[in-house]
Amino acid sequence: MDITIHSSFLPHLDPDASLAFYRDTLGFEVRNDVGYEGMRWLTVGPPNQPETSIVLHPPAADPGITEEERRTITEMMAKGTYGSILLASADLDAAFERLQAGDADIVQEPTEQPYGVRDCAVRDPAGNLIRVQERR
């Protein structure tokens, strides 16, 4: 079986702030920018991985969720407990410096974890937790 990861989804509340974070701070390229009925979806990804993307979507886009569920999602996003993704870098310290310079919301500086990895953590403008792990 030949299965790969094509896209992962993270919610956003402000497409312009998300675009600035993922494009300008992380250095991802914009692959798609689509608007529909007042909502906006952004597809971004690392330039060296054209087959893998993150789709940044409005939490209100799913017609199957209730207004109460939307409120819960928005509250969880504000606390940083709804969405997360794990990225990797060959040079974690340089990546962290770039995140700091881009005014990312720092959660954890580069740290040697007891489970055998070295990583750091930040939040994107929507509150999604972004961990960056050092590739060894």
N, C-alpha and C. Protein backbone atom coordinates (compact mmCIF):
# COMPACT_ATOMS: atom_id res chain seq x y z
N MET A 1 0.85 -1.18 0.00
CA MET A 1 0.00 0.00 0.00
C MET A 1 0.89 1.24 0.00
N ASP A 2 0.58 2.20 -0.84
CA ASP A 2 1.36 3.43 -0.95
C ASP A 2 0.50 4.61 -0.49
N ILE A 3 0.59 4.93 0.79
CA ILE A 3 -0.19 6.03 1.36
C ILE A 3 0.78 7.05 1.95
N THR A 4 0.54 8.32 1.66
CA THR A 4 1.36 9.39 2.22
C THR A 4 0.46 10.42 2.89
N ILE A 5 1.05 11.29 3.67
CA ILE A 5 0.30 12.40 4.25
C ILE A 5 0.30 13.53 3.23
N HIS A 6 -0.89 13.94 2.84
CA HIS A 6 -1.03 14.99 1.84
C HIS A 6 -1.31 16.34 2.50
N SER A 7 -2.32 16.38 3.35
CA SER A 7 -2.70 17.63 4.01
C SER A 7 -3.12 17.37 5.45
N SER A 8 -2.88 18.37 6.25
CA SER A 8 -3.35 18.39 7.62
C SER A 8 -4.14 19.68 7.78
N PHE A 9 -5.11 19.72 8.66
CA PHE A 9 -5.97 20.88 8.80
C PHE A 9 -5.80 21.52 10.18
N LEU A 10 -5.68 22.84 10.18
CA LEU A 10 -5.67 23.63 11.41
C LEU A 10 -6.64 24.78 11.25
N PRO A 11 -7.38 25.12 12.30
CA PRO A 11 -8.30 26.25 12.19
C PRO A 11 -7.57 27.58 12.32
N HIS A 12 -8.18 28.61 11.77
CA HIS A 12 -7.66 29.97 11.95
C HIS A 12 -8.85 30.90 12.20
N LEU A 13 -8.55 32.00 12.86
CA LEU A 13 -9.58 33.02 13.11
C LEU A 13 -9.33 34.26 12.27
N ASP A 14 -8.10 34.49 11.88
CA ASP A 14 -7.71 35.67 11.13
C ASP A 14 -6.79 35.22 9.99
N PRO A 15 -7.32 35.12 8.77
CA PRO A 15 -6.50 34.60 7.68
C PRO A 15 -5.25 35.43 7.40
N ASP A 16 -5.33 36.75 7.55
CA ASP A 16 -4.16 37.58 7.29
C ASP A 16 -3.06 37.35 8.33
N ALA A 17 -3.44 37.22 9.60
CA ALA A 17 -2.45 36.94 10.65
C ALA A 17 -1.85 35.55 10.45
N SER A 18 -2.69 34.59 10.09
CA SER A 18 -2.19 33.23 9.84
C SER A 18 -1.24 33.21 8.64
N LEU A 19 -1.61 33.93 7.60
CA LEU A 19 -0.76 34.01 6.41
C LEU A 19 0.61 34.60 6.77
N ALA A 20 0.61 35.67 7.53
CA ALA A 20 1.86 36.30 7.94
C ALA A 20 2.71 35.33 8.76
N PHE A 21 2.10 34.57 9.65
CA PHE A 21 2.85 33.64 10.49
C PHE A 21 3.43 32.50 9.65
N TYR A 22 2.60 31.83 8.88
CA TYR A 22 3.07 30.65 8.15
C TYR A 22 3.98 31.01 6.98
N ARG A 23 3.69 32.10 6.30
CA ARG A 23 4.52 32.49 5.15
C ARG A 23 5.76 33.24 5.61
N ASP A 24 5.56 34.30 6.39
CA ASP A 24 6.67 35.20 6.72
C ASP A 24 7.54 34.69 7.86
N THR A 25 6.95 34.12 8.89
CA THR A 25 7.73 33.65 10.03
C THR A 25 8.29 32.25 9.79
N LEU A 26 7.43 31.31 9.36
CA LEU A 26 7.90 29.94 9.13
C LEU A 26 8.56 29.75 7.77
N GLY A 27 8.31 30.66 6.84
CA GLY A 27 8.92 30.53 5.52
C GLY A 27 8.20 29.57 4.59
N PHE A 28 6.94 29.23 4.92
CA PHE A 28 6.18 28.33 4.06
C PHE A 28 5.70 29.08 2.82
N GLU A 29 5.47 28.34 1.75
CA GLU A 29 4.91 28.95 0.55
C GLU A 29 3.39 28.81 0.58
N VAL A 30 2.74 29.77 -0.05
CA VAL A 30 1.29 29.74 -0.15
C VAL A 30 0.94 28.94 -1.39
N ARG A 31 0.16 27.90 -1.20
CA ARG A 31 -0.21 27.03 -2.31
C ARG A 31 -1.60 27.31 -2.83
N ASN A 32 -2.45 27.84 -1.96
CA ASN A 32 -3.81 28.16 -2.36
C ASN A 32 -4.37 29.18 -1.37
N ASP A 33 -5.19 30.07 -1.87
CA ASP A 33 -5.84 31.08 -1.06
C ASP A 33 -7.24 31.24 -1.65
N VAL A 34 -8.22 30.66 -0.98
CA VAL A 34 -9.57 30.57 -1.54
C VAL A 34 -10.58 31.19 -0.60
N GLY A 35 -11.46 32.02 -1.15
CA GLY A 35 -12.55 32.59 -0.39
C GLY A 35 -13.88 32.05 -0.87
N TYR A 36 -14.81 31.91 0.08
CA TYR A 36 -16.15 31.44 -0.27
C TYR A 36 -17.11 31.88 0.82
N GLU A 37 -18.15 32.61 0.45
CA GLU A 37 -19.20 33.08 1.36
C GLU A 37 -18.62 33.75 2.61
N GLY A 38 -17.67 34.64 2.40
CA GLY A 38 -17.10 35.41 3.50
C GLY A 38 -16.06 34.66 4.33
N MET A 39 -15.72 33.44 3.95
CA MET A 39 -14.71 32.67 4.67
C MET A 39 -13.49 32.50 3.76
N ARG A 40 -12.36 32.14 4.37
CA ARG A 40 -11.12 32.04 3.60
C ARG A 40 -10.30 30.84 4.06
N TRP A 41 -9.87 30.04 3.10
CA TRP A 41 -9.01 28.88 3.33
C TRP A 41 -7.64 29.18 2.74
N LEU A 42 -6.59 28.85 3.48
CA LEU A 42 -5.22 29.02 3.02
C LEU A 42 -4.53 27.66 3.04
N THR A 43 -3.84 27.34 1.99
CA THR A 43 -3.04 26.12 1.97
C THR A 43 -1.58 26.54 1.88
N VAL A 44 -0.79 26.08 2.85
CA VAL A 44 0.62 26.45 2.94
C VAL A 44 1.46 25.20 3.13
N GLY A 45 2.74 25.32 2.86
CA GLY A 45 3.63 24.19 3.09
C GLY A 45 5.07 24.56 2.87
N PRO A 46 5.98 23.73 3.36
CA PRO A 46 7.40 24.00 3.17
C PRO A 46 7.78 23.88 1.70
N PRO A 47 8.58 24.82 1.20
CA PRO A 47 8.97 24.79 -0.21
C PRO A 47 9.63 23.48 -0.65
N ASN A 48 10.34 22.83 0.26
CA ASN A 48 11.03 21.59 -0.11
C ASN A 48 10.15 20.34 0.03
N GLN A 49 8.87 20.53 0.35
CA GLN A 49 7.93 19.41 0.45
C GLN A 49 6.63 19.78 -0.27
N PRO A 50 6.67 19.86 -1.58
CA PRO A 50 5.48 20.30 -2.31
C PRO A 50 4.29 19.34 -2.20
N GLU A 51 4.53 18.12 -1.78
CA GLU A 51 3.44 17.15 -1.69
C GLU A 51 2.72 17.17 -0.33
N THR A 52 3.22 17.98 0.62
CA THR A 52 2.64 18.02 1.96
C THR A 52 2.21 19.45 2.29
N SER A 53 0.96 19.59 2.75
CA SER A 53 0.42 20.93 3.02
C SER A 53 -0.34 20.98 4.33
N ILE A 54 -0.50 22.20 4.81
CA ILE A 54 -1.39 22.49 5.93
C ILE A 54 -2.50 23.36 5.37
N VAL A 55 -3.74 22.96 5.60
CA VAL A 55 -4.89 23.76 5.19
C VAL A 55 -5.39 24.51 6.42
N LEU A 56 -5.31 25.82 6.35
CA LEU A 56 -5.79 26.68 7.43
C LEU A 56 -7.23 27.06 7.08
N HIS A 57 -8.15 26.70 7.94
CA HIS A 57 -9.57 26.84 7.62
C HIS A 57 -10.32 27.57 8.72
N PRO A 58 -11.41 28.22 8.35
CA PRO A 58 -12.24 28.87 9.37
C PRO A 58 -13.01 27.81 10.15
N PRO A 59 -13.08 27.92 11.47
CA PRO A 59 -13.78 26.91 12.25
C PRO A 59 -15.28 26.86 11.96
N ALA A 60 -15.80 27.91 11.37
CA ALA A 60 -17.24 27.95 11.06
C ALA A 60 -17.58 27.27 9.75
N ALA A 61 -16.59 26.71 9.07
CA ALA A 61 -16.80 26.18 7.72
C ALA A 61 -17.60 24.89 7.67
N ASP A 62 -17.57 24.10 8.72
CA ASP A 62 -18.26 22.82 8.70
C ASP A 62 -19.75 23.02 8.96
N PRO A 63 -20.60 22.73 7.97
CA PRO A 63 -22.04 22.95 8.16
C PRO A 63 -22.66 21.94 9.12
N GLY A 64 -21.93 20.90 9.50
CA GLY A 64 -22.48 19.87 10.37
C GLY A 64 -22.36 20.14 11.84
N ILE A 65 -21.70 21.25 12.23
CA ILE A 65 -21.56 21.52 13.66
C ILE A 65 -22.55 22.59 14.10
N THR A 66 -22.92 22.51 15.35
CA THR A 66 -23.91 23.44 15.90
C THR A 66 -23.22 24.74 16.32
N GLU A 67 -24.01 25.73 16.61
CA GLU A 67 -23.47 27.01 17.08
C GLU A 67 -22.76 26.81 18.42
N GLU A 68 -23.29 25.96 19.28
CA GLU A 68 -22.65 25.67 20.57
C GLU A 68 -21.30 25.00 20.36
N GLU A 69 -21.22 24.09 19.40
CA GLU A 69 -19.94 23.45 19.09
C GLU A 69 -18.93 24.45 18.54
N ARG A 70 -19.40 25.38 17.73
CA ARG A 70 -18.51 26.44 17.21
C ARG A 70 -17.95 27.28 18.36
N ARG A 71 -18.80 27.61 19.31
CA ARG A 71 -18.35 28.39 20.47
C ARG A 71 -17.31 27.60 21.26
N THR A 72 -17.55 26.31 21.45
CA THR A 72 -16.60 25.46 22.18
C THR A 72 -15.27 25.40 21.46
N ILE A 73 -15.31 25.23 20.14
CA ILE A 73 -14.08 25.20 19.35
C ILE A 73 -13.33 26.51 19.50
N THR A 74 -14.03 27.63 19.38
CA THR A 74 -13.40 28.95 19.49
C THR A 74 -12.78 29.13 20.88
N GLU A 75 -13.48 28.67 21.93
CA GLU A 75 -12.93 28.76 23.29
C GLU A 75 -11.68 27.90 23.43
N MET A 76 -11.72 26.70 22.87
CA MET A 76 -10.55 25.82 22.95
C MET A 76 -9.37 26.40 22.17
N MET A 77 -9.66 27.02 21.01
CA MET A 77 -8.60 27.66 20.24
C MET A 77 -7.96 28.77 21.06
N ALA A 78 -8.77 29.57 21.75
CA ALA A 78 -8.25 30.68 22.55
C ALA A 78 -7.33 30.18 23.67
N LYS A 79 -7.61 28.99 24.19
CA LYS A 79 -6.77 28.41 25.24
C LYS A 79 -5.60 27.62 24.66
N GLY A 80 -5.60 27.43 23.35
CA GLY A 80 -4.52 26.67 22.72
C GLY A 80 -4.66 25.17 22.89
N THR A 81 -5.88 24.69 23.08
CA THR A 81 -6.07 23.26 23.32
C THR A 81 -6.82 22.56 22.19
N TYR A 82 -7.01 23.20 21.07
CA TYR A 82 -7.80 22.58 20.00
C TYR A 82 -6.93 21.96 18.91
N GLY A 83 -6.07 22.75 18.27
CA GLY A 83 -5.27 22.24 17.16
C GLY A 83 -3.79 22.22 17.49
N SER A 84 -3.08 21.28 16.89
CA SER A 84 -1.62 21.23 17.06
C SER A 84 -1.00 20.51 15.88
N ILE A 85 0.29 20.76 15.70
CA ILE A 85 1.04 20.09 14.65
C ILE A 85 2.49 20.00 15.09
N LEU A 86 3.17 18.96 14.63
CA LEU A 86 4.57 18.77 14.94
C LEU A 86 5.38 18.96 13.66
N LEU A 87 6.30 19.92 13.70
CA LEU A 87 7.19 20.19 12.58
C LEU A 87 8.59 19.74 12.97
N ALA A 88 9.53 19.76 12.04
CA ALA A 88 10.89 19.35 12.34
C ALA A 88 11.87 20.27 11.64
N SER A 89 13.05 20.42 12.25
CA SER A 89 14.10 21.26 11.67
C SER A 89 15.46 20.63 11.96
N ALA A 90 16.35 20.73 10.99
CA ALA A 90 17.72 20.27 11.20
C ALA A 90 18.48 21.20 12.14
N ASP A 91 18.05 22.47 12.22
CA ASP A 91 18.70 23.45 13.09
C ASP A 91 17.63 24.10 13.97
N LEU A 92 17.33 23.45 15.06
CA LEU A 92 16.27 23.92 15.96
C LEU A 92 16.57 25.31 16.51
N ASP A 93 17.81 25.58 16.85
CA ASP A 93 18.13 26.89 17.43
C ASP A 93 17.88 28.02 16.43
N ALA A 94 18.25 27.82 15.17
CA ALA A 94 17.99 28.84 14.14
C ALA A 94 16.49 28.98 13.91
N ALA A 95 15.77 27.88 13.91
CA ALA A 95 14.31 27.94 13.73
C ALA A 95 13.67 28.71 14.88
N PHE A 96 14.14 28.45 16.10
CA PHE A 96 13.59 29.14 17.26
C PHE A 96 13.89 30.64 17.20
N GLU A 97 15.10 30.99 16.79
CA GLU A 97 15.44 32.41 16.65
C GLU A 97 14.52 33.10 15.65
N ARG A 98 14.23 32.42 14.55
CA ARG A 98 13.33 32.98 13.54
C ARG A 98 11.92 33.15 14.11
N LEU A 99 11.46 32.18 14.89
CA LEU A 99 10.14 32.28 15.51
C LEU A 99 10.10 33.44 16.50
N GLN A 100 11.15 33.59 17.29
CA GLN A 100 11.22 34.71 18.23
C GLN A 100 11.22 36.04 17.50
N ALA A 101 12.02 36.14 16.45
CA ALA A 101 12.10 37.39 15.68
C ALA A 101 10.78 37.71 15.01
N GLY A 102 9.99 36.69 14.71
CA GLY A 102 8.68 36.88 14.09
C GLY A 102 7.58 37.11 15.10
N ASP A 103 7.94 37.34 16.36
CA ASP A 103 6.99 37.60 17.43
C ASP A 103 6.00 36.47 17.65
N ALA A 104 6.46 35.22 17.45
CA ALA A 104 5.60 34.08 17.75
C ALA A 104 5.33 34.04 19.25
N ASP A 105 4.19 33.51 19.62
CA ASP A 105 3.84 33.32 21.03
C ASP A 105 4.62 32.10 21.53
N ILE A 106 5.70 32.35 22.26
CA ILE A 106 6.60 31.29 22.71
C ILE A 106 5.96 30.54 23.89
N VAL A 107 5.89 29.23 23.77
CA VAL A 107 5.37 28.38 24.83
C VAL A 107 6.53 27.70 25.56
N GLN A 108 7.53 27.25 24.79
CA GLN A 108 8.68 26.58 25.40
C GLN A 108 9.92 26.80 24.53
N GLU A 109 11.00 27.23 25.14
CA GLU A 109 12.27 27.38 24.43
C GLU A 109 12.83 26.00 24.10
N PRO A 110 13.82 25.92 23.21
CA PRO A 110 14.40 24.61 22.90
C PRO A 110 14.81 23.87 24.18
N THR A 111 14.32 22.64 24.28
CA THR A 111 14.49 21.85 25.49
C THR A 111 14.77 20.40 25.14
N GLU A 112 15.69 19.80 25.86
CA GLU A 112 15.93 18.36 25.74
C GLU A 112 14.84 17.67 26.56
N GLN A 113 13.97 16.94 25.89
CA GLN A 113 12.83 16.30 26.55
C GLN A 113 13.25 14.95 27.14
N PRO A 114 12.60 14.54 28.23
CA PRO A 114 12.95 13.25 28.85
C PRO A 114 12.61 12.04 27.98
N TYR A 115 11.82 12.25 26.94
CA TYR A 115 11.46 11.14 26.06
C TYR A 115 12.34 11.08 24.82
N GLY A 116 13.49 11.78 24.86
CA GLY A 116 14.51 11.57 23.85
C GLY A 116 14.53 12.50 22.65
N VAL A 117 13.79 13.59 22.68
CA VAL A 117 13.85 14.56 21.58
C VAL A 117 14.17 15.93 22.15
N ARG A 118 14.67 16.78 21.29
CA ARG A 118 14.88 18.19 21.63
C ARG A 118 13.91 18.98 20.78
N ASP A 119 13.10 19.83 21.42
CA ASP A 119 12.12 20.60 20.67
C ASP A 119 11.78 21.90 21.37
N CYS A 120 10.96 22.70 20.69
CA CYS A 120 10.43 23.94 21.27
C CYS A 120 8.95 24.00 20.91
N ALA A 121 8.25 24.95 21.48
CA ALA A 121 6.82 25.07 21.19
C ALA A 121 6.42 26.54 21.12
N VAL A 122 5.55 26.84 20.17
CA VAL A 122 4.98 28.18 20.00
C VAL A 122 3.49 28.02 19.68
N ARG A 123 2.77 29.12 19.70
CA ARG A 123 1.38 29.12 19.25
C ARG A 123 1.29 30.02 18.02
N ASP A 124 0.47 29.60 17.07
CA ASP A 124 0.22 30.45 15.90
C ASP A 124 -0.83 31.49 16.29
N PRO A 125 -1.18 32.43 15.42
CA PRO A 125 -2.12 33.49 15.79
C PRO A 125 -3.50 32.99 16.23
N ALA A 126 -3.89 31.76 15.84
CA ALA A 126 -5.18 31.21 16.25
C ALA A 126 -5.08 30.42 17.55
N GLY A 127 -3.87 30.27 18.10
CA GLY A 127 -3.70 29.52 19.33
C GLY A 127 -3.28 28.08 19.12
N ASN A 128 -3.17 27.64 17.87
CA ASN A 128 -2.74 26.26 17.61
C ASN A 128 -1.32 26.06 18.13
N LEU A 129 -1.09 24.93 18.78
CA LEU A 129 0.23 24.61 19.30
C LEU A 129 1.09 24.07 18.17
N ILE A 130 2.26 24.69 17.99
CA ILE A 130 3.22 24.25 16.98
C ILE A 130 4.47 23.82 17.73
N ARG A 131 4.79 22.53 17.68
CA ARG A 131 6.04 22.04 18.24
C ARG A 131 7.01 21.86 17.09
N VAL A 132 8.25 22.27 17.29
CA VAL A 132 9.29 22.07 16.29
C VAL A 132 10.34 21.19 16.93
N GLN A 133 10.53 20.02 16.34
CA GLN A 133 11.44 19.03 16.86
C GLN A 133 12.75 19.07 16.06
N GLU A 134 13.85 18.86 16.75
CA GLU A 134 15.14 18.82 16.06
C GLU A 134 15.32 17.47 15.40
N ARG A 135 15.62 17.50 14.08
CA ARG A 135 15.91 16.26 13.36
C ARG A 135 17.32 15.82 13.71
N ARG A 136 17.47 14.57 14.04
CA ARG A 136 18.80 14.06 14.40
C ARG A 136 19.20 12.96 13.46
